[in-house]
Protein backbone atom coordinates (compact mmCIF):
# COMPACT_ATOMS: atom_id res chain seq x y z
CA MET A 1 -15.82 -21.46 17.29
CA PHE A 2 -14.21 -19.04 14.83
CA TRP A 3 -16.43 -16.22 16.03
CA ARG A 4 -15.53 -16.87 19.69
CA MET A 5 -11.82 -16.95 18.86
CA THR A 6 -11.86 -13.69 16.90
CA ARG A 7 -14.37 -11.68 18.97
CA PRO A 8 -11.71 -9.76 20.98
CA ILE A 9 -9.86 -8.83 17.78
CA LEU A 10 -13.11 -7.69 16.15
CA ILE A 11 -13.82 -5.43 19.13
CA ILE A 12 -10.37 -3.88 18.69
CA PHE A 13 -11.08 -3.54 14.96
CA LEU A 14 -14.30 -1.64 15.59
CA ILE A 15 -12.53 0.75 17.94
CA VAL A 16 -9.66 1.33 15.54
CA PHE A 17 -11.76 1.61 12.39
CA PHE A 18 -14.66 3.76 13.60
CA TYR A 19 -12.93 5.85 16.25
CA ALA A 20 -9.18 5.93 15.84
CA SER A 21 -9.20 6.32 12.04
CA PRO A 22 -10.89 9.76 11.98
CA ALA A 23 -8.88 10.88 15.01
CA LEU A 24 -5.60 9.85 13.39
CA ALA A 25 -6.38 10.99 9.87
CA ASP A 26 -3.23 13.12 9.83
CA ALA A 27 -1.16 10.13 10.93
CA GLY A 28 -1.75 8.11 7.77
CA LEU A 29 -4.31 6.08 5.90
CA PRO A 30 -5.84 2.82 7.23
CA MET A 31 -5.94 0.81 4.01
CA LEU A 32 -8.92 -1.25 5.13
CA MET A 33 -10.98 1.82 4.22
CA ILE A 34 -9.82 1.34 0.62
CA VAL A 35 -9.62 -2.44 0.21
CA TRP A 36 -12.57 -3.67 2.30
CA PRO A 37 -15.33 -1.74 0.46
CA GLY A 38 -13.94 -3.01 -2.83
CA LEU A 39 -14.05 -6.60 -1.61
CA ILE A 40 -17.62 -6.14 -0.40
CA ILE A 41 -18.68 -4.68 -3.76
CA ALA A 42 -17.00 -7.62 -5.51
CA LEU A 43 -18.87 -10.17 -3.36
CA ILE A 44 -21.68 -10.85 -5.86
CA PRO A 45 -19.49 -11.63 -8.91
CA ILE A 46 -16.99 -13.51 -6.72
CA VAL A 47 -19.70 -15.65 -5.13
CA ALA A 48 -21.14 -16.43 -8.58
CA LEU A 49 -17.71 -17.36 -9.96
CA GLU A 50 -16.69 -19.44 -6.97
CA SER A 51 -20.07 -21.19 -6.87
CA TYR A 52 -19.60 -22.26 -10.47
CA CYS A 53 -16.07 -23.48 -9.70
CA LEU A 54 -17.22 -25.38 -6.61
CA ARG A 55 -20.02 -27.03 -8.58
CA SER A 56 -17.59 -28.06 -11.31
CA MET A 57 -14.88 -29.35 -8.97
CA LEU A 58 -17.09 -31.23 -6.50
CA LYS A 59 -20.06 -32.06 -8.77
CA LEU A 60 -22.54 -30.32 -6.49
CA PRO A 61 -25.91 -28.81 -7.46
CA PHE A 62 -25.45 -25.16 -8.35
CA ILE A 63 -28.00 -23.94 -5.77
CA LYS A 64 -26.14 -25.78 -3.02
CA SER A 65 -22.80 -24.44 -4.26
CA LEU A 66 -24.24 -20.92 -4.36
CA LYS A 67 -25.52 -21.21 -0.78
CA LEU A 68 -22.22 -22.64 0.49
CA MET A 69 -20.03 -20.05 -1.19
CA THR A 70 -22.30 -17.20 -0.08
CA ILE A 71 -21.94 -18.23 3.55
CA ALA A 72 -18.21 -18.85 3.21
CA ASN A 73 -17.54 -15.51 1.48
CA LEU A 74 -19.61 -13.54 3.97
CA GLU A 75 -17.67 -15.11 6.83
CA SER A 76 -14.27 -14.50 5.23
CA THR A 77 -15.07 -10.95 4.08
CA ILE A 78 -16.95 -9.63 7.11
CA ILE A 79 -14.92 -11.40 9.80
CA GLY A 80 -11.70 -12.79 8.32
CA ILE A 81 -10.50 -9.69 6.45
CA PRO A 82 -10.94 -7.17 9.32
CA VAL A 83 -9.35 -9.57 11.82
CA THR A 84 -6.39 -10.05 9.49
CA TRP A 85 -6.05 -6.29 9.01
CA VAL A 86 -5.90 -5.69 12.78
CA LEU A 87 -3.18 -8.34 13.13
CA LEU A 88 -1.24 -6.80 10.22
CA VAL A 89 -1.45 -3.37 11.87
CA PHE A 90 0.02 -4.83 15.06
CA ILE A 91 2.84 -6.39 13.03
CA GLU A 92 3.43 -3.06 11.28
CA ILE A 93 3.66 -1.25 14.63
CA ILE A 94 6.12 -3.80 16.03
CA VAL A 95 8.30 -3.71 12.91
CA SER A 96 8.21 0.10 12.86
CA PHE A 97 9.39 0.35 16.45
CA ALA A 98 12.06 -2.26 15.80
CA GLY A 99 13.20 -0.34 12.72
CA VAL A 100 13.44 2.92 14.65
CA THR A 101 15.55 1.17 17.27
CA ILE A 102 17.85 -0.43 14.70
CA PHE A 103 18.27 2.65 12.50
CA LYS A 104 18.25 5.33 15.22
CA SER A 105 21.90 6.03 14.56
CA VAL A 106 21.26 6.46 10.82
CA THR A 107 20.65 10.07 9.89
CA GLU A 108 18.68 9.27 6.74
CA ILE A 109 17.08 6.05 5.49
CA PRO A 110 17.24 5.61 1.68
CA GLU A 111 14.00 6.74 0.09
CA VAL A 112 13.60 3.50 -1.87
CA LEU A 113 13.67 1.46 1.38
CA SER A 114 10.99 3.70 2.85
CA TYR A 115 8.75 3.13 -0.16
CA ILE A 116 9.34 -0.64 -0.08
CA PHE A 117 8.28 -0.70 3.57
CA ILE A 118 5.21 1.50 2.93
CA ILE A 119 3.79 -0.81 0.24
CA THR A 120 4.64 -4.10 2.04
CA LEU A 121 4.80 -4.34 5.83
CA GLY A 122 3.51 -0.77 6.06
CA ALA A 123 0.58 -1.45 3.74
CA PRO A 124 -2.10 -2.00 6.45
CA TRP A 125 -1.80 1.59 7.70
CA ILE A 126 0.08 3.80 5.26
CA ALA A 127 2.24 6.51 6.77
CA PRO A 128 1.55 10.13 5.79
CA PHE A 129 2.53 10.90 2.22
CA THR A 130 2.04 13.72 -0.24
CA GLU A 131 -0.70 13.68 -2.86
CA THR A 132 1.90 13.28 -5.59
CA GLN A 133 2.81 9.86 -4.15
CA ALA A 134 -0.69 8.63 -3.41
CA TYR A 135 -1.46 7.73 -7.02
CA TRP A 136 0.88 4.72 -6.96
CA ILE A 137 1.31 3.99 -3.23
CA ILE A 138 -2.38 3.24 -2.63
CA PRO A 139 -2.87 0.71 -5.48
CA ALA A 140 0.56 -0.85 -4.77
CA ALA A 141 -0.30 -1.32 -1.09
CA SER A 142 -3.72 -2.69 -2.07
CA LEU A 143 -2.05 -5.21 -4.36
CA PHE A 144 0.26 -6.39 -1.57
CA LEU A 145 -2.61 -6.73 0.93
CA LEU A 146 -4.34 -9.20 -1.39
CA ILE A 147 -1.60 -11.71 -0.48
CA PRO A 148 -2.38 -12.09 3.26
CA PHE A 149 -6.09 -11.66 2.55
CA TYR A 150 -5.91 -14.57 0.11
CA PHE A 151 -4.42 -16.91 2.70
CA VAL A 152 -6.89 -15.98 5.43
CA THR A 153 -9.79 -16.30 2.97
CA TRP A 154 -8.57 -19.77 2.01
CA TYR A 155 -8.40 -20.78 5.69
CA VAL A 156 -11.76 -19.29 6.73
CA GLU A 157 -13.68 -20.61 3.73
CA TYR A 158 -12.12 -24.05 4.10
CA ARG A 159 -13.17 -24.19 7.77
CA CYS A 160 -16.66 -23.02 6.80
CA LEU A 161 -17.11 -25.56 3.99
CA LYS A 162 -15.56 -28.40 5.98
CA LYS A 163 -18.49 -28.26 8.40
CA ARG A 164 -21.02 -28.45 5.58
CA ILE A 165 -19.43 -30.82 3.05
CA LYS A 166 -18.88 -34.17 4.72
CA LYS A 167 -18.32 -36.41 1.70
CA THR A 168 -15.13 -34.72 0.50
CA LYS A 169 -11.87 -35.50 2.29
CA PRO A 170 -10.41 -32.49 4.15
CA ALA A 171 -7.18 -32.45 2.13
CA ALA A 172 -9.08 -32.55 -1.15
CA LEU A 173 -11.51 -29.87 0.03
CA SER A 174 -8.59 -27.65 1.07
CA ARG A 175 -7.09 -27.94 -2.40
CA VAL A 176 -10.42 -27.09 -4.00
CA VAL A 177 -10.87 -23.98 -1.84
CA ARG A 178 -7.26 -23.00 -2.52
CA ASN A 179 -7.73 -23.28 -6.29
CA ILE A 180 -11.05 -21.45 -6.23
CA ASN A 181 -9.52 -18.54 -4.35
CA LEU A 182 -6.49 -18.54 -6.63
CA ILE A 183 -8.90 -17.84 -9.46
CA SER A 184 -10.90 -15.12 -7.70
CA TYR A 185 -7.93 -13.42 -6.07
CA GLY A 186 -5.98 -13.72 -9.31
CA LEU A 187 -8.72 -11.74 -11.05
CA LEU A 188 -8.76 -9.20 -8.22
CA GLY A 189 -5.00 -8.92 -8.52
CA ILE A 190 -5.26 -8.24 -12.24
CA ILE A 191 -7.81 -5.50 -11.59
CA VAL A 192 -5.67 -3.82 -8.91
CA LEU A 193 -2.55 -4.19 -11.06
CA GLY A 194 -4.45 -2.51 -13.89
CA TRP A 195 -5.37 0.29 -11.48
CA LEU A 196 -1.68 0.70 -10.57
CA VAL A 197 -0.46 0.71 -14.19
CA PHE A 198 -3.24 3.06 -15.28
CA SER A 199 -2.40 5.46 -12.44
CA ILE A 200 1.32 5.49 -13.24
CA PHE A 201 0.84 5.97 -16.97
CA GLY A 202 -1.92 8.51 -16.35
CA VAL A 203 0.35 10.70 -14.26
CA ALA A 204 3.25 10.23 -16.70
CA TRP A 205 1.03 11.21 -19.62
CA SER A 206 -0.28 14.29 -17.81
CA LYS A 207 3.30 15.47 -17.33
CA ILE A 208 4.05 15.00 -21.02
CA ILE A 209 1.09 17.01 -22.24
């Protein structure tokens, strides 16, 4: 069911990611190229952690928990994340056009507002920026993208586990999946935040010396 519902969006994703991205390299940076590989690399430790949490919370055998969380994470990472990114890009485009219409009479938009937009609603596809800004814009945008990715992961993994765990009530299962992903995404957030802080202090230190 989920695959049938998201198939058209996945087709658009493949076109955008493998064709439009190289063609529009000068038009900005599709952040999925940064965030998605990292999430795929993190799959093994995340699956291990979430399997342990699922076993502890639902009293399931570890092998069964490992199998369930492997399937759920593959579905959320390979399907859920790209689909969410495509939808976020559409939202970014709509908001951008709306912003141009609203502020067309304004000669200059404050720089701070531009940066806030770039690392929030503009995070899916970052507008062109200089190399001197990339060191903090990329990790900041990555950190923001973890928020919508968390919610879609919660939804996709809950739907996946709901079909395979019949004894647990749906509301209780939803809370378990929510808490499990709070742990894993919380750790991912700490890592990305560390990347951001390290980048900022690294550049500041290089200017001092």
